[in-house]
N, C-alpha and C. Protein backbone atom coordinates (compact mmCIF):
# COMPACT_ATOMS: atom_id res chain seq x y z
N MET A 1 61.55 47.56 33.97
CA MET A 1 63.00 47.51 34.12
C MET A 1 63.48 48.83 34.70
N PRO A 2 64.68 48.84 35.22
CA PRO A 2 65.20 50.09 35.81
C PRO A 2 65.42 51.15 34.73
N GLN A 3 65.42 52.38 35.15
CA GLN A 3 65.72 53.48 34.22
C GLN A 3 67.22 53.71 34.22
N CYS A 4 67.89 53.05 33.31
CA CYS A 4 69.35 53.14 33.22
C CYS A 4 69.69 54.23 32.21
N LEU A 5 69.90 55.43 32.71
CA LEU A 5 70.09 56.58 31.83
C LEU A 5 71.52 56.71 31.31
N ASP A 6 72.50 56.19 32.02
CA ASP A 6 73.90 56.31 31.62
C ASP A 6 74.26 55.13 30.73
N CYS A 7 74.04 55.28 29.43
CA CYS A 7 74.20 54.15 28.51
C CYS A 7 75.44 54.26 27.62
N MET A 8 76.34 55.18 27.90
CA MET A 8 77.51 55.35 27.06
C MET A 8 78.48 54.19 27.25
N HIS A 9 78.84 53.54 26.17
CA HIS A 9 79.75 52.39 26.23
C HIS A 9 79.23 51.36 27.22
N GLN A 10 77.98 50.96 27.03
CA GLN A 10 77.30 50.13 27.99
C GLN A 10 77.79 48.68 28.02
N GLN A 11 78.43 48.23 26.97
CA GLN A 11 78.86 46.84 26.94
C GLN A 11 80.30 46.69 27.39
N GLY A 12 80.60 45.52 27.86
CA GLY A 12 81.99 45.19 28.16
C GLY A 12 82.68 44.80 26.88
N ASN A 13 83.97 44.89 26.87
CA ASN A 13 84.77 44.52 25.70
C ASN A 13 85.66 43.37 26.11
N PHE A 14 85.44 42.22 25.51
CA PHE A 14 86.23 41.06 25.88
C PHE A 14 87.36 40.90 24.88
N GLY A 15 88.56 41.21 25.30
CA GLY A 15 89.72 41.11 24.42
C GLY A 15 90.20 39.68 24.27
N ASN A 16 90.78 39.39 23.15
CA ASN A 16 91.39 38.08 22.88
C ASN A 16 90.43 36.90 23.05
N GLY A 17 89.15 37.13 22.83
CA GLY A 17 88.19 36.04 22.92
C GLY A 17 87.94 35.53 24.33
N VAL A 18 88.47 36.19 25.34
CA VAL A 18 88.28 35.75 26.72
C VAL A 18 86.96 36.28 27.25
N ILE A 19 86.10 35.39 27.66
CA ILE A 19 84.84 35.78 28.28
C ILE A 19 84.89 35.31 29.72
N ASP A 20 84.94 36.24 30.63
CA ASP A 20 85.13 35.93 32.03
C ASP A 20 83.90 36.40 32.80
N THR A 21 82.81 35.65 32.66
CA THR A 21 81.58 36.00 33.36
C THR A 21 81.19 34.90 34.32
N GLU A 22 80.43 35.29 35.31
CA GLU A 22 79.85 34.37 36.29
C GLU A 22 78.44 34.85 36.56
N SER A 23 77.77 34.24 37.50
CA SER A 23 76.47 34.76 37.91
C SER A 23 76.30 34.55 39.40
N MET A 24 75.47 35.42 39.99
CA MET A 24 75.08 35.30 41.39
C MET A 24 73.57 35.24 41.41
N ALA A 25 73.03 34.78 42.52
CA ALA A 25 71.58 34.76 42.68
C ALA A 25 71.07 36.20 42.61
N ALA A 26 69.89 36.35 42.01
CA ALA A 26 69.26 37.67 41.94
C ALA A 26 69.02 38.18 43.36
N PRO A 27 69.10 39.49 43.55
CA PRO A 27 68.91 40.03 44.91
C PRO A 27 67.49 39.79 45.42
N SER A 28 67.39 39.53 46.70
CA SER A 28 66.08 39.36 47.32
C SER A 28 66.06 40.17 48.61
N PRO A 29 65.19 41.15 48.74
CA PRO A 29 64.18 41.53 47.76
C PRO A 29 64.82 42.16 46.53
N ALA A 30 64.06 42.16 45.45
CA ALA A 30 64.55 42.68 44.17
C ALA A 30 64.87 44.17 44.27
N VAL A 31 65.94 44.58 43.60
CA VAL A 31 66.31 45.99 43.46
C VAL A 31 66.62 46.24 41.99
N ASP A 32 66.55 47.49 41.57
CA ASP A 32 66.89 47.84 40.19
C ASP A 32 68.40 47.86 40.04
N ILE A 33 68.90 47.11 39.07
CA ILE A 33 70.32 47.07 38.76
C ILE A 33 70.50 47.37 37.29
N CYS A 34 71.41 48.26 36.96
CA CYS A 34 71.71 48.61 35.57
C CYS A 34 72.97 47.89 35.12
N GLU A 35 73.05 47.64 33.84
CA GLU A 35 74.26 47.07 33.29
C GLU A 35 75.40 48.03 33.59
N GLY A 36 76.51 47.51 34.09
CA GLY A 36 77.65 48.35 34.44
C GLY A 36 77.72 48.70 35.92
N ASP A 37 76.66 48.41 36.69
CA ASP A 37 76.70 48.69 38.13
C ASP A 37 77.70 47.77 38.82
N PHE A 38 78.33 48.29 39.88
CA PHE A 38 79.29 47.52 40.66
C PHE A 38 78.53 46.61 41.64
N LEU A 39 78.94 45.34 41.70
CA LEU A 39 78.26 44.37 42.54
C LEU A 39 79.21 43.77 43.58
N VAL A 40 78.69 43.61 44.77
CA VAL A 40 79.38 42.87 45.82
C VAL A 40 78.54 41.65 46.14
N ALA A 41 79.11 40.71 46.87
CA ALA A 41 78.40 39.48 47.21
C ALA A 41 77.74 39.62 48.57
N ASP A 42 76.47 39.24 48.63
CA ASP A 42 75.74 39.19 49.89
C ASP A 42 75.60 37.72 50.26
N THR A 43 76.28 37.31 51.32
CA THR A 43 76.25 35.90 51.73
C THR A 43 75.45 35.72 53.02
N SER A 44 74.52 36.65 53.30
CA SER A 44 73.76 36.57 54.55
C SER A 44 72.79 35.40 54.56
N ALA A 45 72.33 34.95 53.40
CA ALA A 45 71.46 33.77 53.33
C ALA A 45 72.35 32.53 53.25
N THR A 46 72.15 31.59 54.11
CA THR A 46 72.99 30.39 54.18
C THR A 46 72.99 29.64 52.85
N GLY A 47 74.19 29.39 52.34
CA GLY A 47 74.35 28.60 51.11
C GLY A 47 74.04 29.33 49.83
N VAL A 48 73.71 30.63 49.90
CA VAL A 48 73.37 31.39 48.70
C VAL A 48 74.22 32.65 48.63
N THR A 49 74.74 32.94 47.45
CA THR A 49 75.45 34.19 47.25
C THR A 49 74.60 35.06 46.34
N GLU A 50 74.02 36.12 46.90
CA GLU A 50 73.16 37.03 46.15
C GLU A 50 73.95 38.25 45.72
N ALA A 51 73.54 38.79 44.57
CA ALA A 51 74.11 40.05 44.10
C ALA A 51 73.61 41.18 45.00
N LYS A 52 74.48 42.12 45.27
CA LYS A 52 74.14 43.28 46.09
C LYS A 52 74.83 44.49 45.47
N LEU A 53 74.11 45.58 45.31
CA LEU A 53 74.71 46.80 44.76
C LEU A 53 75.77 47.35 45.72
N LEU A 54 76.81 47.94 45.15
CA LEU A 54 77.86 48.53 45.96
C LEU A 54 77.30 49.59 46.91
N SER A 55 76.29 50.34 46.48
CA SER A 55 75.72 51.40 47.32
C SER A 55 75.09 50.86 48.61
N ALA A 56 74.80 49.57 48.65
CA ALA A 56 74.25 48.94 49.86
C ALA A 56 75.34 48.38 50.76
N PHE A 57 76.60 48.53 50.35
CA PHE A 57 77.71 48.03 51.16
C PHE A 57 77.81 48.86 52.44
N THR A 58 78.05 48.22 53.56
CA THR A 58 78.06 48.89 54.86
C THR A 58 79.28 49.80 55.02
N TRP A 59 79.01 51.05 55.38
CA TRP A 59 80.05 52.04 55.66
C TRP A 59 80.79 51.63 56.93
N THR A 60 82.12 51.76 56.94
CA THR A 60 82.93 51.36 58.08
C THR A 60 83.94 52.44 58.42
N THR A 61 83.95 52.94 59.61
CA THR A 61 84.95 53.85 60.15
C THR A 61 85.15 55.11 59.32
N ASP A 62 85.72 54.98 58.11
CA ASP A 62 86.01 56.13 57.27
C ASP A 62 86.00 55.69 55.80
N LEU A 63 86.21 56.63 54.90
CA LEU A 63 86.14 56.33 53.47
C LEU A 63 87.22 55.34 53.04
N ALA A 64 88.45 55.51 53.52
CA ALA A 64 89.55 54.61 53.12
C ALA A 64 89.26 53.17 53.56
N THR A 65 88.80 52.99 54.78
CA THR A 65 88.50 51.65 55.29
C THR A 65 87.33 51.04 54.52
N THR A 66 86.31 51.86 54.25
CA THR A 66 85.15 51.37 53.50
C THR A 66 85.55 50.93 52.11
N ARG A 67 86.39 51.72 51.43
CA ARG A 67 86.84 51.34 50.09
C ARG A 67 87.66 50.05 50.12
N THR A 68 88.52 49.91 51.12
CA THR A 68 89.32 48.69 51.25
C THR A 68 88.41 47.48 51.44
N ASN A 69 87.44 47.59 52.33
CA ASN A 69 86.52 46.49 52.58
C ASN A 69 85.64 46.20 51.37
N ALA A 70 85.21 47.25 50.68
CA ALA A 70 84.38 47.07 49.49
C ALA A 70 85.17 46.39 48.37
N LYS A 71 86.43 46.75 48.23
CA LYS A 71 87.26 46.09 47.21
C LYS A 71 87.36 44.60 47.50
N ALA A 72 87.50 44.23 48.76
CA ALA A 72 87.60 42.82 49.13
C ALA A 72 86.30 42.07 48.83
N ALA A 73 85.15 42.75 48.92
CA ALA A 73 83.85 42.12 48.68
C ALA A 73 83.41 42.24 47.22
N PHE A 74 84.09 43.09 46.45
CA PHE A 74 83.70 43.36 45.06
C PHE A 74 83.80 42.10 44.22
N ARG A 75 82.71 41.76 43.53
CA ARG A 75 82.70 40.57 42.68
C ARG A 75 82.85 40.93 41.21
N GLY A 76 82.33 42.11 40.80
CA GLY A 76 82.43 42.49 39.40
C GLY A 76 81.37 43.50 39.00
N VAL A 77 81.11 43.54 37.69
CA VAL A 77 80.24 44.54 37.09
C VAL A 77 79.04 43.83 36.45
N SER A 78 77.85 44.32 36.74
CA SER A 78 76.64 43.70 36.20
C SER A 78 76.69 43.66 34.67
N ALA A 79 76.34 42.52 34.11
CA ALA A 79 76.35 42.35 32.66
C ALA A 79 74.97 42.54 32.06
N GLN A 80 73.96 42.79 32.88
CA GLN A 80 72.62 43.04 32.35
C GLN A 80 71.80 43.82 33.35
N GLU A 81 70.66 44.33 32.89
CA GLU A 81 69.72 45.02 33.77
C GLU A 81 68.90 43.99 34.55
N TYR A 82 68.51 44.38 35.74
CA TYR A 82 67.61 43.58 36.54
C TYR A 82 66.66 44.55 37.22
N GLY A 83 65.35 44.28 37.17
CA GLY A 83 64.39 45.24 37.69
C GLY A 83 63.46 44.70 38.74
N THR A 84 62.71 45.61 39.33
CA THR A 84 61.77 45.27 40.38
C THR A 84 60.34 45.12 39.87
N GLU A 85 60.11 45.35 38.60
CA GLU A 85 58.75 45.26 38.06
C GLU A 85 58.27 43.82 38.07
N GLU A 86 57.13 43.59 38.69
CA GLU A 86 56.60 42.24 38.83
C GLU A 86 56.07 41.67 37.52
N CYS A 87 55.74 42.53 36.56
CA CYS A 87 55.13 42.04 35.32
C CYS A 87 56.16 41.42 34.38
N ILE A 88 57.41 41.56 34.67
CA ILE A 88 58.46 41.03 33.79
C ILE A 88 59.05 39.76 34.42
N THR A 89 59.06 38.70 33.64
CA THR A 89 59.68 37.46 34.11
C THR A 89 61.19 37.65 34.08
N GLN A 90 61.83 37.36 35.19
CA GLN A 90 63.27 37.54 35.27
C GLN A 90 63.96 36.25 35.66
N GLU A 91 65.20 36.16 35.30
CA GLU A 91 66.01 34.99 35.64
C GLU A 91 66.29 34.98 37.14
N ASP A 92 66.64 33.81 37.65
CA ASP A 92 66.99 33.68 39.07
C ASP A 92 68.42 34.12 39.34
N CYS A 93 69.21 34.22 38.28
CA CYS A 93 70.62 34.59 38.45
C CYS A 93 70.93 35.85 37.65
N LEU A 94 71.87 36.62 38.15
CA LEU A 94 72.31 37.85 37.50
C LEU A 94 73.74 37.67 37.01
N PRO A 95 73.96 37.72 35.70
CA PRO A 95 75.33 37.56 35.19
C PRO A 95 76.16 38.82 35.44
N PHE A 96 77.46 38.63 35.64
CA PHE A 96 78.35 39.77 35.84
C PHE A 96 79.72 39.45 35.27
N TRP A 97 80.45 40.53 34.90
CA TRP A 97 81.83 40.38 34.47
C TRP A 97 82.66 40.27 35.73
N ARG A 98 83.34 39.16 35.87
CA ARG A 98 84.08 38.85 37.10
C ARG A 98 85.29 39.76 37.26
N TYR A 99 85.46 40.28 38.47
CA TYR A 99 86.61 41.12 38.79
C TYR A 99 87.85 40.24 38.74
N ASN A 100 88.62 40.42 37.68
CA ASN A 100 89.79 39.61 37.45
C ASN A 100 90.73 40.40 36.55
N LYS A 101 91.85 40.81 37.08
CA LYS A 101 92.81 41.60 36.30
C LYS A 101 93.17 40.87 35.01
N GLY A 102 93.07 41.59 33.91
CA GLY A 102 93.49 41.04 32.63
C GLY A 102 92.44 40.24 31.89
N ASN A 103 91.18 40.28 32.35
CA ASN A 103 90.17 39.49 31.64
C ASN A 103 89.65 40.16 30.39
N GLY A 104 90.07 41.38 30.11
CA GLY A 104 89.66 42.07 28.88
C GLY A 104 88.45 42.96 29.02
N PHE A 105 87.80 42.98 30.19
CA PHE A 105 86.63 43.83 30.38
C PHE A 105 87.03 45.31 30.33
N ARG A 106 86.28 46.09 29.57
CA ARG A 106 86.49 47.55 29.51
C ARG A 106 85.14 48.23 29.49
N ARG A 107 85.07 49.39 30.15
CA ARG A 107 83.82 50.16 30.16
C ARG A 107 84.13 51.60 30.52
N SER A 108 83.28 52.50 30.06
CA SER A 108 83.41 53.92 30.34
C SER A 108 82.56 54.29 31.56
N TYR A 109 83.17 55.03 32.50
CA TYR A 109 82.47 55.49 33.70
C TYR A 109 82.67 56.99 33.90
N LEU A 110 81.67 57.62 34.52
CA LEU A 110 81.79 59.02 34.91
C LEU A 110 82.82 59.14 36.03
N ILE A 111 83.55 60.25 36.03
CA ILE A 111 84.60 60.49 37.03
C ILE A 111 84.10 61.49 38.06
N ALA A 112 84.25 61.14 39.33
CA ALA A 112 83.92 62.04 40.43
C ALA A 112 85.20 62.52 41.08
N GLY A 113 85.09 63.59 41.85
CA GLY A 113 86.22 64.11 42.62
C GLY A 113 86.20 63.53 44.02
N ALA A 114 87.06 64.03 44.88
CA ALA A 114 87.20 63.51 46.25
C ALA A 114 85.91 63.64 47.05
N THR A 115 85.10 64.66 46.76
CA THR A 115 83.85 64.85 47.51
C THR A 115 82.71 64.02 46.94
N GLY A 116 82.90 63.41 45.78
CA GLY A 116 81.85 62.61 45.16
C GLY A 116 81.11 63.32 44.05
N ALA A 117 81.29 64.63 43.94
CA ALA A 117 80.65 65.37 42.85
C ALA A 117 81.39 65.10 41.55
N LEU A 118 80.69 65.12 40.43
CA LEU A 118 81.33 64.90 39.14
C LEU A 118 82.41 65.93 38.93
N GLU A 119 83.58 65.49 38.47
CA GLU A 119 84.72 66.38 38.34
C GLU A 119 85.58 65.98 37.15
N PRO A 120 85.36 66.61 36.00
CA PRO A 120 86.20 66.31 34.84
C PRO A 120 87.68 66.52 35.18
N THR A 121 88.53 65.71 34.58
CA THR A 121 89.95 65.75 34.91
C THR A 121 90.76 65.20 33.74
N THR A 122 92.07 65.25 33.88
CA THR A 122 92.97 64.61 32.91
C THR A 122 93.63 63.43 33.60
N PHE A 123 94.11 62.48 32.81
CA PHE A 123 94.79 61.31 33.36
C PHE A 123 95.62 60.67 32.28
N GLN A 124 96.57 59.85 32.69
CA GLN A 124 97.43 59.10 31.77
C GLN A 124 97.00 57.64 31.74
N GLN A 125 97.36 56.95 30.66
CA GLN A 125 97.10 55.52 30.58
C GLN A 125 97.69 54.85 31.82
N GLY A 126 96.93 53.97 32.44
CA GLY A 126 97.38 53.30 33.65
C GLY A 126 96.95 53.98 34.94
N GLN A 127 96.37 55.21 34.84
CA GLN A 127 95.87 55.90 36.03
C GLN A 127 94.93 54.98 36.79
N LEU A 128 95.09 54.91 38.09
CA LEU A 128 94.24 54.05 38.92
C LEU A 128 92.97 54.77 39.34
N PHE A 129 91.90 54.01 39.45
CA PHE A 129 90.61 54.53 39.89
C PHE A 129 90.02 53.58 40.92
N THR A 130 89.15 54.12 41.78
CA THR A 130 88.43 53.32 42.75
C THR A 130 86.97 53.78 42.78
N PHE A 131 86.20 53.24 43.69
CA PHE A 131 84.79 53.57 43.81
C PHE A 131 84.61 55.00 44.32
N ALA A 132 83.68 55.73 43.72
CA ALA A 132 83.37 57.09 44.15
C ALA A 132 82.41 57.05 45.33
N LYS A 133 82.44 58.11 46.12
CA LYS A 133 81.54 58.27 47.27
C LYS A 133 80.34 59.11 46.86
N ASN A 134 79.19 58.79 47.41
CA ASN A 134 78.00 59.61 47.19
C ASN A 134 78.24 60.94 47.90
N PRO A 135 78.09 62.09 47.19
CA PRO A 135 78.40 63.38 47.82
C PRO A 135 77.45 63.76 48.95
N SER A 136 76.28 63.12 49.03
CA SER A 136 75.32 63.51 50.06
C SER A 136 75.12 62.46 51.15
N SER A 137 75.94 61.40 51.16
CA SER A 137 75.79 60.39 52.20
C SER A 137 77.08 59.59 52.37
N ASN A 138 77.09 58.75 53.38
CA ASN A 138 78.20 57.82 53.57
C ASN A 138 77.89 56.53 52.83
N ALA A 139 77.94 56.58 51.52
CA ALA A 139 77.70 55.40 50.69
C ALA A 139 78.59 55.50 49.46
N LEU A 140 79.00 54.36 48.97
CA LEU A 140 79.73 54.32 47.71
C LEU A 140 78.72 54.31 46.57
N VAL A 141 79.16 54.70 45.38
CA VAL A 141 78.26 54.84 44.24
C VAL A 141 78.39 53.62 43.32
N ASN A 142 77.28 53.22 42.74
CA ASN A 142 77.22 52.00 41.94
C ASN A 142 77.92 52.07 40.60
N SER A 143 78.16 53.27 40.07
CA SER A 143 78.71 53.32 38.71
C SER A 143 79.51 54.58 38.41
N LYS A 144 80.21 55.12 39.40
CA LYS A 144 81.10 56.26 39.18
C LYS A 144 82.44 55.94 39.83
N ILE A 145 83.48 56.53 39.27
CA ILE A 145 84.83 56.25 39.75
C ILE A 145 85.54 57.54 40.14
N VAL A 146 86.62 57.41 40.90
CA VAL A 146 87.44 58.54 41.33
C VAL A 146 88.90 58.13 41.20
N LYS A 147 89.75 59.08 40.81
CA LYS A 147 91.18 58.80 40.69
C LYS A 147 91.78 58.47 42.06
N THR A 148 92.78 57.59 42.05
CA THR A 148 93.49 57.25 43.28
C THR A 148 94.93 56.90 42.94
N SER A 149 95.81 57.06 43.92
CA SER A 149 97.18 56.58 43.78
C SER A 149 97.42 55.42 44.75
N ASP A 150 96.40 55.08 45.52
CA ASP A 150 96.49 54.04 46.55
C ASP A 150 96.14 52.68 45.94
N THR A 151 97.15 51.84 45.75
CA THR A 151 96.92 50.53 45.12
C THR A 151 96.07 49.61 45.99
N SER A 152 95.98 49.88 47.28
CA SER A 152 95.18 49.01 48.14
C SER A 152 93.68 49.18 47.92
N VAL A 153 93.27 50.31 47.34
CA VAL A 153 91.85 50.53 47.05
C VAL A 153 91.56 50.60 45.56
N ALA A 154 92.59 50.59 44.72
CA ALA A 154 92.41 50.68 43.26
C ALA A 154 91.69 49.44 42.74
N VAL A 155 90.70 49.67 41.89
CA VAL A 155 89.92 48.59 41.30
C VAL A 155 90.02 48.62 39.78
N PHE A 156 90.22 49.81 39.22
CA PHE A 156 90.28 49.99 37.77
C PHE A 156 91.53 50.77 37.39
N ARG A 157 91.89 50.70 36.09
CA ARG A 157 92.96 51.55 35.56
C ARG A 157 92.54 52.01 34.17
N ALA A 158 92.98 53.22 33.82
CA ALA A 158 92.64 53.81 32.52
C ALA A 158 93.35 53.05 31.41
N VAL A 159 92.63 52.83 30.30
CA VAL A 159 93.22 52.09 29.18
C VAL A 159 93.92 53.01 28.19
N SER A 160 93.70 54.34 28.33
CA SER A 160 94.36 55.29 27.45
C SER A 160 94.47 56.64 28.13
N ASP A 161 95.23 57.55 27.55
CA ASP A 161 95.36 58.91 28.07
C ASP A 161 94.07 59.69 27.81
N SER A 162 93.81 60.67 28.64
CA SER A 162 92.65 61.54 28.43
C SER A 162 92.93 62.61 27.40
N GLY A 163 94.21 62.86 27.14
CA GLY A 163 94.56 63.98 26.28
C GLY A 163 94.76 65.22 27.13
N PRO A 164 94.96 66.38 26.48
CA PRO A 164 95.28 67.59 27.24
C PRO A 164 94.07 68.24 27.92
N ASP A 165 92.86 67.88 27.50
CA ASP A 165 91.66 68.53 28.05
C ASP A 165 91.02 67.68 29.14
N ASN A 166 90.39 68.36 30.09
CA ASN A 166 89.63 67.65 31.11
C ASN A 166 88.49 66.88 30.46
N VAL A 167 88.27 65.66 30.87
CA VAL A 167 87.17 64.85 30.36
C VAL A 167 86.34 64.34 31.54
N SER A 168 85.07 64.05 31.28
CA SER A 168 84.17 63.63 32.35
C SER A 168 84.09 62.11 32.50
N ARG A 169 84.71 61.38 31.56
CA ARG A 169 84.64 59.91 31.57
C ARG A 169 86.02 59.31 31.36
N ALA A 170 86.17 58.09 31.85
CA ALA A 170 87.37 57.32 31.58
C ALA A 170 86.95 55.90 31.21
N THR A 171 87.57 55.39 30.14
CA THR A 171 87.39 53.98 29.82
C THR A 171 88.43 53.23 30.62
N VAL A 172 87.94 52.28 31.42
CA VAL A 172 88.81 51.56 32.34
C VAL A 172 88.70 50.05 32.16
N GLU A 173 89.68 49.36 32.71
CA GLU A 173 89.67 47.90 32.80
C GLU A 173 89.96 47.56 34.25
N PHE A 174 89.76 46.29 34.61
CA PHE A 174 90.05 45.89 35.99
C PHE A 174 91.54 45.97 36.27
N TYR A 175 91.88 46.43 37.48
CA TYR A 175 93.28 46.54 37.93
C TYR A 175 93.57 45.40 38.87
C-alpha cells in the first residue's frame, strides 16, 4: 500500500447522517492514492470514468486557469488508500467523498502559501481555500490547500477560526 504519512484527521465526518460517497474505476495503470487525496475524473477511456490524482491534472496557461479547470474536473476526496503493490488484491473501484457543498464531509489539510511551500497562517470560520501548487513544478498538490478570496477557484471553506496564532492546518468542508 502507499506510504500515507499525513494521517491527522484522516477520516471524513458525515454530519446529520448524510453519507455522500460514490466510486470511480481504479486508475489504470495503478498509482498510489492516500485517503484524503484530491481526485479528478479521467474519461480518456471510452465509457469508463477512472480516478486520477489532482497532481496528474494538466497544467493550462497559468495557475488561475489551471485551478479553475481543476475545480471543474474535481470529483471529490479519496475515501480509502489504493496502492500499486501487486501482492495485494484490490477492488476495481475507488470510493470517494463526492464534492457536494453541504454533504457534511470535513477533513484537516496542511496549508501552503502562494508559492506552494507550507505556510502557517490565521483564518476565520468560512475562509475559502483552493488547491495548493507544488513549489517545484507546474502541478497542483494532492492533499494541501491554500487560502483564497476568489470564489471561482474556491473548493473548501474553514469550519472554525484558527485562533490568534498561526496554525499549519485547517479543518475544512466542501464549499
